[in-house]
Amino acid sequence: MVRKAVIAGNWKMNKTVSEAVELISDLKSLIADVIDVEIVVAPPFLAIYRVAQEAKGFNIHVSAQDLFWEEEGAYTGAVSPKMLSDVGCEYVIIGHSERRQYFGETDETVNKKIQSSLQHGLIPIFCVGETLQHREAGETFSIIEAQVRRGLSGLSPSDMEDVIIAYEPVWAIGTGRTATGEQAEEIHSFIRKLLKEIYKDTADSIRILYGGSVKPDNIDGLMAKPNIDGALVGGASLKADDFARIVKYQR
């Protein structure tokens, strides 16, 4: 089965609104001719509306970096899926290791957020990954399996048609260390087999992205692997030229 590649840029806590608009404006001209890759950018909350307006008419989709699972209510500081849809969001990153590390995200809250995003027509980019300690202790596969099973608990095969999974080894995020193509493919293949066990026929259509110090000089090798369907890009997505080169990876 041919799965359409997804290249998503997570801008994290970078760019003011004006800087975000400038970046998306620069990016538009560089990737205007790309039609065979699903391009997604995830600016900070405050810039989502302006970036979505600027991206209209181009093959650029807008994602949030997080959400809260309730539609509205007394949840100070939270942003609901309904609010995100209203400002032009189509995707949302859920369960990123930085949310787990700094903000107390758990597999259970990740699951609530995934279910809420699907109910409101948002495509979740569901992140899983092990720490260096997990890897060195030989716990990588058990950690990934637990995150996948708990995060996707209660989701049906039809729900999974709208879910994207991102494997991000925590030890490779922002460290300059990248999993080799072989290391990444090993985990992607493991996730694919796990999905086949849970969802059977649907599993082959689910896109699995790699994230963790993805750069222009390593994207080609990563994308050559059969179970790597795209990338969730951090720092390199903040530079239009670098991100465009990643989007235009060499087949």
Protein backbone atom coordinates (compact mmCIF):
# COMPACT_ATOMS: atom_id res chain seq x y z
CA MET A 1 0.00 0.00 0.00
CA VAL A 2 1.27 3.48 -0.88
CA ARG A 3 0.97 5.85 2.05
CA LYS A 4 1.20 9.58 1.31
CA ALA A 5 4.21 11.06 3.07
CA VAL A 6 3.66 13.63 5.82
CA ILE A 7 6.30 16.21 6.70
CA ALA A 8 5.29 18.19 9.79
CA GLY A 9 7.19 21.08 11.36
CA ASN A 10 6.82 21.59 15.11
CA TRP A 11 7.84 25.18 15.81
CA LYS A 12 7.56 24.64 19.59
CA MET A 13 7.83 27.87 21.66
CA ASN A 14 9.41 29.89 18.87
CA LYS A 15 8.29 32.78 16.65
CA THR A 16 6.14 35.78 17.45
CA VAL A 17 3.08 36.26 15.28
CA SER A 18 4.91 38.51 12.82
CA GLU A 19 7.89 36.15 12.68
CA ALA A 20 5.57 33.21 12.08
CA VAL A 21 3.85 34.99 9.20
CA GLU A 22 7.25 35.81 7.69
CA LEU A 23 8.35 32.18 7.95
CA ILE A 24 5.21 30.79 6.33
CA SER A 25 5.42 33.43 3.60
CA ASP A 26 8.99 32.38 2.79
CA LEU A 27 8.05 28.72 2.90
CA LYS A 28 5.13 29.11 0.49
CA SER A 29 7.34 30.19 -2.37
CA LEU A 30 9.78 27.34 -1.76
CA ILE A 31 7.27 24.47 -1.72
CA ALA A 32 4.58 25.79 -4.08
CA ASP A 33 5.30 23.01 -6.58
CA VAL A 34 5.07 20.13 -4.06
CA ILE A 35 1.82 18.20 -4.38
CA ASP A 36 2.74 14.63 -3.41
CA VAL A 37 3.65 15.34 0.22
CA GLU A 38 1.28 16.36 3.03
CA ILE A 39 2.93 19.45 4.53
CA VAL A 40 1.99 20.48 8.07
CA VAL A 41 3.26 23.31 10.28
CA ALA A 42 2.58 23.69 14.01
CA PRO A 43 3.09 27.28 15.15
CA PRO A 44 2.48 28.49 18.72
CA PHE A 45 -1.19 28.99 19.65
CA LEU A 46 -1.09 32.78 19.22
CA ALA A 47 0.12 32.51 15.62
CA ILE A 48 -2.21 29.77 14.39
CA TYR A 49 -4.90 32.02 12.95
CA ARG A 50 -2.50 34.27 11.03
CA VAL A 51 -0.47 31.34 9.74
CA ALA A 52 -3.63 29.55 8.60
CA GLN A 53 -4.75 32.68 6.75
CA GLU A 54 -1.35 33.05 5.12
CA ALA A 55 -1.27 29.37 4.08
CA LYS A 56 -4.68 29.38 2.39
CA GLY A 57 -4.57 28.13 -1.17
CA PHE A 58 -1.26 26.34 -0.65
CA ASN A 59 -0.43 22.74 0.18
CA ILE A 60 0.29 23.69 3.79
CA HIS A 61 -1.89 22.48 6.65
CA VAL A 62 -1.87 23.94 10.15
CA SER A 63 -1.52 22.01 13.39
CA ALA A 64 -1.65 22.92 17.06
CA GLN A 65 1.04 21.66 19.41
CA ASP A 66 -1.44 20.50 22.07
CA LEU A 67 -5.07 20.80 23.19
CA PHE A 68 -7.32 20.13 26.16
CA TRP A 69 -9.98 17.45 25.80
CA GLU A 70 -13.01 19.45 26.96
CA GLU A 71 -14.98 21.77 24.64
CA GLU A 72 -15.26 24.60 27.16
CA GLY A 73 -15.40 25.31 30.87
CA ALA A 74 -13.39 26.43 33.89
CA TYR A 75 -9.97 25.27 32.67
CA THR A 76 -7.73 28.31 32.99
CA GLY A 77 -5.07 28.51 30.31
CA ALA A 78 -6.43 25.59 28.28
CA VAL A 79 -7.30 25.58 24.57
CA SER A 80 -10.15 23.39 23.33
CA PRO A 81 -10.47 21.43 20.07
CA LYS A 82 -13.45 23.60 19.12
CA MET A 83 -11.31 26.74 19.44
CA LEU A 84 -8.56 25.19 17.31
CA SER A 85 -10.95 24.22 14.53
CA ASP A 86 -12.37 27.74 14.59
CA VAL A 87 -9.00 29.36 13.79
CA GLY A 88 -8.11 27.01 10.93
CA CYS A 89 -6.38 24.06 12.59
CA GLU A 90 -6.67 20.66 10.94
CA TYR A 91 -4.11 18.70 12.97
CA VAL A 92 -2.87 18.57 16.56
CA ILE A 93 0.31 17.12 18.04
CA ILE A 94 -0.51 14.99 21.09
CA GLY A 95 1.77 13.36 23.65
CA HIS A 96 5.03 14.99 22.61
CA SER A 97 7.82 14.00 25.00
CA GLU A 98 8.23 17.63 26.08
CA ARG A 99 4.57 17.71 27.13
CA ARG A 100 5.12 14.45 29.02
CA GLN A 101 8.35 15.69 30.63
CA TYR A 102 7.48 19.28 31.57
CA PHE A 103 3.69 19.29 31.85
CA GLY A 104 2.81 15.94 33.37
CA GLU A 105 1.23 14.37 30.30
CA THR A 106 0.36 10.69 30.81
CA ASP A 107 -0.79 7.91 28.51
CA GLU A 108 -4.29 8.39 29.95
CA THR A 109 -4.47 12.13 29.21
CA VAL A 110 -2.97 11.47 25.79
CA ASN A 111 -5.80 9.03 25.11
CA LYS A 112 -8.43 11.58 26.18
CA LYS A 113 -6.88 14.19 23.88
CA ILE A 114 -6.75 11.82 20.90
CA GLN A 115 -10.39 10.85 21.35
CA SER A 116 -11.44 14.50 21.71
CA SER A 117 -9.48 15.60 18.66
CA LEU A 118 -11.12 12.92 16.51
CA GLN A 119 -14.58 13.86 17.77
CA HIS A 120 -13.93 17.43 16.63
CA GLY A 121 -12.50 16.60 13.20
CA LEU A 122 -8.84 17.22 14.05
CA ILE A 123 -6.16 14.78 12.90
CA PRO A 124 -3.99 13.74 15.86
CA ILE A 125 -0.24 13.33 15.43
CA PHE A 126 0.29 10.93 18.31
CA CYS A 127 3.86 10.86 19.66
CA VAL A 128 5.59 7.90 21.30
CA GLY A 129 9.22 7.34 22.23
CA GLU A 130 11.70 6.00 24.76
CA THR A 131 14.31 7.80 26.84
CA LEU A 132 18.02 7.00 26.72
CA GLN A 133 17.64 5.21 30.06
CA HIS A 134 14.88 3.01 28.62
CA ARG A 135 16.99 2.16 25.57
CA GLU A 136 20.11 1.35 27.58
CA ALA A 137 18.04 -0.84 29.90
CA GLY A 138 16.63 -2.78 26.96
CA GLU A 139 13.11 -1.52 27.61
CA THR A 140 12.48 0.24 24.28
CA PHE A 141 9.92 -2.20 22.89
CA SER A 142 7.94 -2.56 26.12
CA ILE A 143 7.78 1.23 26.57
CA ILE A 144 6.65 1.81 22.98
CA GLU A 145 4.06 -0.95 23.18
CA ALA A 146 2.62 0.43 26.43
CA GLN A 147 2.42 3.97 25.01
CA VAL A 148 0.74 2.78 21.80
CA ARG A 149 -1.79 0.51 23.51
CA ARG A 150 -2.75 3.01 26.21
CA GLY A 151 -2.74 6.02 23.93
CA LEU A 152 -5.01 4.33 21.39
CA SER A 153 -7.27 2.61 23.94
CA GLY A 154 -10.90 2.58 22.84
CA LEU A 155 -10.21 3.69 19.26
CA SER A 156 -11.87 1.72 16.48
CA PRO A 157 -10.30 0.73 13.14
CA SER A 158 -12.27 3.52 11.46
CA ASP A 159 -10.94 6.02 14.03
CA MET A 160 -7.40 4.96 13.10
CA GLU A 161 -7.89 6.06 9.50
CA ASP A 162 -7.44 9.63 10.82
CA VAL A 163 -4.55 9.01 13.23
CA ILE A 164 -0.89 9.68 12.47
CA ILE A 165 1.75 8.19 14.77
CA ALA A 166 5.15 9.82 15.31
CA TYR A 167 8.03 7.82 16.77
CA GLU A 168 10.37 10.24 18.54
CA PRO A 169 13.18 8.69 20.56
CA VAL A 170 13.52 11.14 23.44
CA TRP A 171 17.30 10.78 23.38
CA ALA A 172 17.36 12.21 19.84
CA ILE A 173 15.12 15.27 20.32
CA GLY A 174 17.09 18.50 20.18
CA THR A 175 20.31 16.66 21.05
CA GLY A 176 21.83 16.46 17.60
CA ARG A 177 21.78 12.67 17.98
CA THR A 178 19.66 10.95 15.37
CA ALA A 179 18.57 7.36 15.27
CA THR A 180 20.14 5.67 12.28
CA GLY A 181 17.79 4.69 9.48
CA GLU A 182 18.10 1.11 10.68
CA GLN A 183 17.29 1.99 14.31
CA ALA A 184 14.29 4.06 13.26
CA GLU A 185 13.03 1.41 10.84
CA GLU A 186 13.32 -1.27 13.54
CA ILE A 187 10.92 0.65 15.80
CA HIS A 188 8.62 1.69 12.95
CA SER A 189 8.37 -1.94 11.87
CA PHE A 190 7.62 -2.95 15.46
CA ILE A 191 4.86 -0.31 15.70
CA ARG A 192 3.41 -1.49 12.37
CA LYS A 193 3.29 -5.11 13.59
CA LEU A 194 1.67 -3.98 16.83
CA LEU A 195 -0.96 -2.03 14.90
CA LYS A 196 -1.66 -5.10 12.75
CA GLU A 197 -2.23 -7.08 15.92
CA ILE A 198 -4.70 -4.49 17.24
CA TYR A 199 -6.32 -3.18 14.06
CA LYS A 200 -5.58 -5.87 11.45
CA ASP A 201 -6.53 -4.53 7.98
CA THR A 202 -6.33 -0.85 8.93
CA ALA A 203 -2.70 -1.01 10.05
CA ASP A 204 -1.12 -0.83 6.59
CA SER A 205 -2.73 2.54 5.89
CA ILE A 206 -1.60 4.28 9.12
CA ARG A 207 1.25 6.75 8.59
CA ILE A 208 4.17 6.50 11.04
CA LEU A 209 6.54 9.49 11.14
CA TYR A 210 10.06 9.71 12.53
CA GLY A 211 11.10 12.64 14.71
CA GLY A 212 14.34 13.45 16.47
CA SER A 213 16.96 15.81 15.04
CA VAL A 214 15.65 15.43 11.47
CA LYS A 215 17.72 17.60 9.13
CA PRO A 216 18.25 18.13 5.39
CA ASP A 217 21.29 15.86 5.46
CA ASN A 218 19.56 12.82 6.99
CA ILE A 219 16.01 12.97 5.62
CA ASP A 220 16.76 11.06 2.41
CA GLY A 221 18.12 8.03 4.24
CA LEU A 222 15.24 8.00 6.70
CA MET A 223 12.59 8.27 3.99
CA ALA A 224 14.13 5.37 2.07
CA LYS A 225 12.97 2.97 4.79
CA PRO A 226 9.73 1.09 4.03
CA ASN A 227 7.89 1.86 7.29
CA ILE A 228 8.94 5.51 7.66
CA ASP A 229 6.15 7.58 6.14
CA GLY A 230 7.39 11.07 6.94
CA ALA A 231 8.95 13.21 9.62
CA LEU A 232 8.06 15.37 12.57
CA VAL A 233 10.71 18.08 12.35
CA GLY A 234 11.78 20.37 15.18
CA GLY A 235 14.59 22.93 14.86
CA ALA A 236 15.03 22.52 11.11
CA SER A 237 11.41 23.57 10.54
CA LEU A 238 12.25 27.08 11.81
CA LYS A 239 14.33 27.79 8.71
CA ALA A 240 12.35 27.93 5.48
CA ASP A 241 15.21 26.67 3.30
CA ASP A 242 15.96 23.70 5.56
CA PHE A 243 12.33 22.71 5.93
CA ALA A 244 11.73 23.01 2.19
CA ARG A 245 14.68 20.68 1.52
CA ILE A 246 13.20 18.17 3.96
CA VAL A 247 9.82 18.43 2.24
CA LYS A 248 11.59 17.85 -1.08
CA TYR A 249 13.49 14.78 0.13
CA GLN A 250 15.15 12.70 -2.57
CA ARG A 251 13.18 9.56 -3.45
